[in-house]
Amino acid sequence: MTLETPPSDANAPTRTGYVTLLGRPNAGKSTLMNRLIGQKLSIVTAKAQTTWQRITGIHTKGHIQAIFLDTPGLLLAKDLFQHSMLEEALDAVREGDVIVLLVDATDPLHEAEKKAIVEALSLSTAHLLVVINKIDEAEPDEIARISEWASSELHCEARGISALHGPGVEALWSEITEALPEGPFLYPPDDIAAAPVRFFVAEFIRETVFEQFREEVPYSVFAAVDEFREDQDPVYIKANLFVERNSQKGILVGDKGAAIRELGRSSREKIEEFIGRRVYLELRVKLRPKWRRREKDLGRFGFRVPVGKSGNDGN
């Protein structure tokens, strides 16, 4: 799908701003950003809470530049790692010029989740767009209930889309462009992302972990690129997979290394498609006990360490 530029004359002022994509896990935020930008930047899997850190995607069309902030899903945080993800989302709310709240029409919100959304939105006075996603799969009664909640609690009219298949996305894009403030572009027009390539390489590896392994294992694996040599052909990439327990290390490696070979093959194909070059990918699994509960490890891995939350920073 190609997004159209709103009609304008050649002298129209440029509009640019941050568009925060907000919602609980699996609401479709990453799918929507990928569709709006026209390229896969955010990883997408069937498992909930795949996005761990904020992803910045940029779409420039004519005199419009929208800088999308794909956020970790809003959740009721129970530990340091979840608090870190929640802070990422709340910071994006504070920074957004436009907030797009996605609500999954196939999975009704609980009262505690509605309260968390209202509290998050109270941090901002930005233009709010409430978007009901997956309307092609939802019951009409549920769509009506979400619309009523948006009207009564958020004082905002909801609109429906299918981020996966496209209906309603073009109209949403038009609403976003109209809400962006006037101002100069913040990024060169050809840029589509703010993060370096090696960040997305690590994300594609992590996505493959989510696809290949089950239960708690994907949630305990952090991927980090150790070496990235573009001057070689094929491009040489060495990445480390940090796990919390030896049992997880054994699962990732598999019988005689079969699992990690398959992980490497699938990850390499995604990376090659993304960078447009042949890749030699070397994966290593390393033990980092309790990394999700250690402030030092979270900070080292690039996560925001929330102030005032308890964490074990011991050895």
Protein backbone atom coordinates (compact mmCIF):
# COMPACT_ATOMS: atom_id res chain seq x y z
CA MET A 1 0.00 0.00 0.00
CA THR A 2 1.35 3.42 -0.97
CA LEU A 3 0.23 6.27 1.24
CA GLU A 4 -0.91 9.37 -0.58
CA THR A 5 0.31 12.85 0.24
CA PRO A 6 -2.51 15.18 1.23
CA PRO A 7 -3.42 17.60 -1.57
CA SER A 8 -1.44 20.82 -1.30
CA ASP A 9 0.23 23.52 -3.32
CA ALA A 10 3.97 23.72 -3.87
CA ASN A 11 4.33 26.38 -1.20
CA ALA A 12 2.63 24.41 1.58
CA PRO A 13 4.60 24.56 4.84
CA THR A 14 6.33 21.40 5.96
CA ARG A 15 4.74 19.46 8.78
CA THR A 16 6.68 17.16 11.03
CA GLY A 17 6.25 15.56 14.41
CA TYR A 18 6.33 12.47 16.58
CA VAL A 19 3.47 9.99 16.32
CA THR A 20 3.30 7.69 19.33
CA LEU A 21 1.72 4.28 18.76
CA LEU A 22 0.24 3.20 22.06
CA GLY A 23 -1.68 0.14 23.21
CA ARG A 24 -1.38 -3.06 25.14
CA PRO A 25 0.69 -6.01 23.86
CA ASN A 26 -0.43 -7.51 20.54
CA ALA A 27 -2.73 -4.60 19.70
CA GLY A 28 -1.05 -4.30 16.29
CA LYS A 29 1.26 -1.32 16.83
CA SER A 30 4.26 -2.84 15.08
CA THR A 31 2.18 -4.11 12.18
CA LEU A 32 0.68 -0.66 11.74
CA MET A 33 4.05 1.11 11.77
CA ASN A 34 5.51 -1.31 9.24
CA ARG A 35 2.55 -0.70 6.95
CA LEU A 36 2.65 3.08 7.33
CA ILE A 37 6.38 3.22 6.60
CA GLY A 38 6.24 0.65 3.84
CA GLN A 39 9.08 -1.46 5.23
CA LYS A 40 9.51 -3.91 8.06
CA LEU A 41 11.30 -2.21 10.95
CA SER A 42 9.46 -3.55 13.99
CA ILE A 43 9.49 -7.29 14.52
CA VAL A 44 6.12 -9.01 14.59
CA THR A 45 5.25 -12.43 16.02
CA ALA A 46 2.15 -14.19 17.27
CA LYS A 47 3.47 -13.98 20.84
CA ALA A 48 2.56 -11.06 23.09
CA GLN A 49 5.07 -8.41 24.18
CA THR A 50 7.53 -8.85 21.33
CA THR A 51 8.52 -5.17 21.29
CA TRP A 52 10.86 -4.52 24.21
CA GLN A 53 12.33 -1.15 23.28
CA ARG A 54 11.01 1.86 21.45
CA ILE A 55 11.45 1.68 17.67
CA THR A 56 11.58 4.93 15.70
CA GLY A 57 10.39 4.75 12.10
CA ILE A 58 10.29 7.70 9.71
CA HIS A 59 7.94 8.28 6.80
CA THR A 60 8.48 11.34 4.61
CA LYS A 61 6.04 12.12 1.82
CA GLY A 62 5.96 15.49 0.09
CA HIS A 63 5.80 18.20 2.75
CA ILE A 64 4.97 15.69 5.52
CA GLN A 65 7.41 13.89 7.82
CA ALA A 66 5.88 11.59 10.44
CA ILE A 67 8.25 10.10 13.00
CA PHE A 68 6.55 7.02 14.42
CA LEU A 69 7.37 5.73 17.89
CA ASP A 70 6.45 2.05 18.19
CA THR A 71 6.30 1.32 21.90
CA PRO A 72 6.29 -1.75 24.14
CA GLY A 73 2.75 -2.71 25.05
CA LEU A 74 1.13 -1.03 28.01
CA LEU A 75 0.99 -3.57 30.80
CA LEU A 76 0.56 -3.81 34.54
CA ALA A 77 4.27 -4.03 35.36
CA LYS A 78 5.30 -6.61 37.95
CA ASP A 79 9.11 -6.61 37.80
CA LEU A 80 12.05 -4.38 36.86
CA PHE A 81 12.12 -5.53 33.23
CA GLN A 82 8.42 -4.81 32.74
CA HIS A 83 8.77 -1.45 34.49
CA SER A 84 11.56 -0.65 32.04
CA MET A 85 9.30 -1.37 29.07
CA LEU A 86 6.46 0.61 30.63
CA GLU A 87 8.74 3.63 31.07
CA GLU A 88 9.68 3.40 27.37
CA ALA A 89 6.00 3.61 26.46
CA LEU A 90 5.23 6.46 28.87
CA ASP A 91 8.21 8.49 27.64
CA ALA A 92 6.89 8.14 24.11
CA VAL A 93 3.51 9.43 25.30
CA ARG A 94 5.21 12.52 26.71
CA GLU A 95 7.13 13.11 23.47
CA GLY A 96 4.33 12.54 20.98
CA ASP A 97 2.73 15.34 18.97
CA VAL A 98 0.05 12.85 17.97
CA ILE A 99 -0.93 9.76 19.94
CA VAL A 100 -2.50 6.82 18.13
CA LEU A 101 -4.14 4.53 20.67
CA LEU A 102 -4.68 1.07 19.19
CA VAL A 103 -7.34 -1.17 20.71
CA ASP A 104 -7.62 -4.80 19.61
CA ALA A 105 -11.27 -5.38 18.74
CA THR A 106 -10.89 -9.14 19.15
CA ASP A 107 -9.58 -9.01 22.73
CA PRO A 108 -11.66 -6.81 25.07
CA LEU A 109 -9.89 -4.52 27.52
CA HIS A 110 -10.21 -5.25 31.23
CA GLU A 111 -11.08 -2.43 33.63
CA ALA A 112 -7.53 -2.31 35.02
CA GLU A 113 -6.18 -1.96 31.49
CA LYS A 114 -8.62 0.83 30.69
CA LYS A 115 -7.51 2.64 33.83
CA ALA A 116 -3.84 2.25 32.85
CA ILE A 117 -4.56 3.70 29.41
CA VAL A 118 -6.37 6.70 30.88
CA GLU A 119 -3.49 7.31 33.30
CA ALA A 120 -0.93 7.09 30.49
CA LEU A 121 -2.86 9.52 28.31
CA SER A 122 -3.07 11.98 31.21
CA LEU A 123 0.67 12.58 30.73
CA SER A 124 0.06 14.33 27.43
CA THR A 125 -2.07 17.01 25.80
CA ALA A 126 -1.20 15.77 22.30
CA HIS A 127 -3.82 15.17 19.61
CA LEU A 128 -5.40 11.76 20.28
CA LEU A 129 -6.61 9.30 17.66
CA VAL A 130 -8.37 6.19 18.99
CA VAL A 131 -8.07 3.35 16.51
CA ILE A 132 -9.95 0.06 16.69
CA ASN A 133 -7.75 -2.57 15.05
CA LYS A 134 -8.69 -5.95 13.53
CA ILE A 135 -12.19 -4.77 12.58
CA ASP A 136 -12.26 -7.45 9.88
CA GLU A 137 -12.15 -10.13 12.61
CA ALA A 138 -14.29 -8.52 15.33
CA GLU A 139 -17.90 -8.76 16.39
CA PRO A 140 -19.93 -5.57 15.71
CA ASP A 141 -21.05 -5.44 19.34
CA GLU A 142 -17.45 -5.30 20.57
CA ILE A 143 -16.60 -2.52 18.12
CA ALA A 144 -19.60 -0.60 19.44
CA ARG A 145 -18.48 -1.11 23.05
CA ILE A 146 -14.99 0.19 22.32
CA SER A 147 -16.43 3.19 20.48
CA GLU A 148 -18.67 4.00 23.44
CA TRP A 149 -15.75 3.75 25.87
CA ALA A 150 -13.59 6.00 23.68
CA SER A 151 -16.36 8.57 23.51
CA SER A 152 -17.31 8.57 27.18
CA GLU A 153 -13.89 8.10 28.84
CA LEU A 154 -11.44 9.53 26.32
CA HIS A 155 -13.74 12.08 24.68
CA CYS A 156 -12.57 10.93 21.29
CA GLU A 157 -14.34 9.37 18.32
CA ALA A 158 -12.89 6.00 17.37
CA ARG A 159 -12.16 4.86 13.84
CA GLY A 160 -11.59 1.31 12.62
CA ILE A 161 -8.75 -0.24 10.64
CA SER A 162 -7.08 -3.51 9.77
CA ALA A 163 -3.36 -2.89 10.22
CA LEU A 164 -2.59 -6.29 8.72
CA HIS A 165 -4.74 -6.08 5.60
CA GLY A 166 -4.97 -2.32 5.06
CA PRO A 167 -8.59 -1.15 5.25
CA GLY A 168 -8.83 2.20 7.03
CA VAL A 169 -5.07 2.82 7.14
CA GLU A 170 -5.10 5.38 4.32
CA ALA A 171 -7.77 7.42 6.11
CA LEU A 172 -5.80 7.17 9.36
CA TRP A 173 -2.68 8.46 7.61
CA SER A 174 -4.65 11.47 6.39
CA GLU A 175 -5.80 12.21 9.94
CA ILE A 176 -2.24 11.92 11.22
CA THR A 177 -0.88 14.34 8.62
CA GLU A 178 -3.57 16.90 9.41
CA ALA A 179 -2.69 16.76 13.12
CA LEU A 180 1.08 17.18 12.72
CA PRO A 181 2.42 20.63 13.62
CA GLU A 182 4.13 22.88 11.11
CA GLY A 183 7.90 22.75 11.30
CA PRO A 184 11.09 21.75 9.48
CA PHE A 185 11.94 18.11 8.88
CA LEU A 186 13.93 16.54 11.72
CA TYR A 187 15.51 13.83 9.54
CA PRO A 188 16.76 13.67 5.95
CA PRO A 189 13.84 12.75 3.64
CA ASP A 190 15.41 9.40 2.67
CA ASP A 191 15.81 8.17 6.26
CA ILE A 192 13.37 5.49 7.42
CA ALA A 193 14.81 4.73 10.86
CA ALA A 194 16.71 6.45 13.64
CA ALA A 195 18.58 3.40 14.95
CA PRO A 196 21.72 1.92 13.31
CA VAL A 197 21.53 -1.18 11.14
CA ARG A 198 23.10 -3.39 13.80
CA PHE A 199 20.12 -2.67 16.10
CA PHE A 200 17.72 -4.10 13.52
CA VAL A 201 20.02 -7.06 12.90
CA ALA A 202 19.71 -7.94 16.59
CA GLU A 203 15.95 -7.46 16.42
CA PHE A 204 15.59 -9.86 13.49
CA ILE A 205 17.57 -12.47 15.40
CA ARG A 206 15.33 -11.97 18.43
CA GLU A 207 12.24 -12.24 16.24
CA THR A 208 13.47 -15.59 14.98
CA VAL A 209 13.99 -16.76 18.56
CA PHE A 210 10.34 -15.91 19.26
CA GLU A 211 9.24 -17.84 16.19
CA GLN A 212 11.38 -20.92 16.76
CA PHE A 213 11.15 -21.48 20.52
CA ARG A 214 8.28 -21.85 22.96
CA GLU A 215 7.06 -20.86 26.40
CA GLU A 216 9.36 -18.69 28.49
CA VAL A 217 12.56 -19.15 26.46
CA PRO A 218 12.11 -16.23 24.00
CA TYR A 219 11.38 -13.85 26.87
CA SER A 220 14.71 -14.71 28.49
CA VAL A 221 16.91 -14.15 25.42
CA PHE A 222 18.56 -10.85 24.56
CA ALA A 223 20.39 -10.55 21.23
CA ALA A 224 23.32 -8.15 20.84
CA VAL A 225 25.56 -7.64 17.81
CA ASP A 226 29.22 -7.93 18.80
CA GLU A 227 30.83 -7.42 15.37
CA PHE A 228 29.45 -5.97 12.13
CA ARG A 229 31.92 -5.81 9.23
CA GLU A 230 30.36 -4.25 6.15
CA ASP A 231 33.72 -4.08 4.34
CA GLN A 232 33.68 -7.86 3.87
CA ASP A 233 31.76 -9.91 1.32
CA PRO A 234 29.69 -11.50 2.62
CA VAL A 235 29.05 -9.06 5.47
CA TYR A 236 30.40 -10.61 8.66
CA ILE A 237 28.14 -10.42 11.72
CA LYS A 238 28.82 -11.93 15.12
CA ALA A 239 25.97 -11.78 17.63
CA ASN A 240 25.61 -12.95 21.21
CA LEU A 241 22.46 -14.45 22.67
CA PHE A 242 22.28 -13.85 26.41
CA VAL A 243 20.16 -16.27 28.46
CA GLU A 244 19.40 -16.53 32.17
CA ARG A 245 19.78 -20.27 32.75
CA ASN A 246 21.94 -23.12 31.47
CA SER A 247 18.80 -25.04 30.54
CA GLN A 248 17.84 -22.22 28.16
CA LYS A 249 21.30 -22.31 26.65
CA GLY A 250 20.87 -26.00 25.94
CA ILE A 251 17.50 -25.40 24.29
CA LEU A 252 18.91 -22.68 22.02
CA VAL A 253 21.86 -24.81 20.94
CA GLY A 254 19.81 -27.98 20.52
CA ASP A 255 20.89 -31.55 19.85
CA LYS A 256 24.34 -31.43 18.21
CA GLY A 257 23.78 -27.73 17.46
CA ALA A 258 20.73 -28.30 15.26
CA ALA A 259 18.58 -25.60 16.85
CA ILE A 260 21.14 -22.82 16.67
CA ARG A 261 21.99 -23.71 13.07
CA GLU A 262 18.32 -23.33 12.13
CA LEU A 263 18.14 -20.10 14.12
CA GLY A 264 21.17 -18.78 12.27
CA ARG A 265 19.82 -19.77 8.86
CA SER A 266 16.42 -18.13 9.36
CA SER A 267 17.93 -15.01 10.92
CA ARG A 268 20.46 -14.67 8.11
CA GLU A 269 17.74 -14.73 5.46
CA LYS A 270 15.89 -11.87 7.18
CA ILE A 271 19.06 -9.82 7.60
CA GLU A 272 20.07 -10.34 3.97
CA GLU A 273 16.66 -9.13 2.81
CA PHE A 274 16.91 -6.07 5.07
CA ILE A 275 20.42 -4.93 4.09
CA GLY A 276 20.38 -6.23 0.51
CA ARG A 277 23.69 -8.11 0.79
CA ARG A 278 24.97 -11.59 1.52
CA VAL A 279 25.67 -12.24 5.19
CA TYR A 280 27.83 -14.60 7.20
CA LEU A 281 26.20 -14.82 10.63
CA GLU A 282 27.92 -16.29 13.68
CA LEU A 283 25.81 -16.82 16.80
CA ARG A 284 27.07 -17.50 20.29
CA VAL A 285 24.99 -18.26 23.39
CA LYS A 286 26.18 -16.76 26.67
CA LEU A 287 24.90 -17.15 30.21
CA ARG A 288 23.88 -13.94 32.00
CA PRO A 289 21.91 -15.02 35.11
CA LYS A 290 18.91 -12.88 36.06
CA TRP A 291 19.72 -10.19 33.48
CA ARG A 292 16.08 -9.06 33.41
CA ARG A 293 16.24 -8.28 37.15
CA ARG A 294 19.63 -6.57 37.26
CA GLU A 295 19.82 -2.82 36.74
CA LYS A 296 23.39 -3.06 35.50
CA ASP A 297 22.52 -5.59 32.80
CA LEU A 298 19.40 -3.74 31.68
CA GLY A 299 21.40 -0.54 31.34
CA ARG A 300 24.18 -2.34 29.46
CA PHE A 301 21.63 -3.76 27.02
CA GLY A 302 20.17 -0.33 26.32
CA PHE A 303 17.02 -0.54 28.43
CA ARG A 304 15.78 2.38 30.47
CA VAL A 305 16.25 1.65 34.16
CA PRO A 306 13.21 3.06 35.98
CA VAL A 307 13.93 5.30 38.95
CA GLY A 308 12.63 4.12 42.31
CA LYS A 309 11.90 0.53 41.25
CA SER A 310 13.53 -2.32 43.07
CA GLY A 311 16.03 -4.42 41.23
CA ASN A 312 18.77 -6.89 42.08
CA ASP A 313 22.09 -5.40 41.04
CA GLY A 314 24.11 -8.02 42.80
CA ASN A 315 26.56 -10.51 41.36
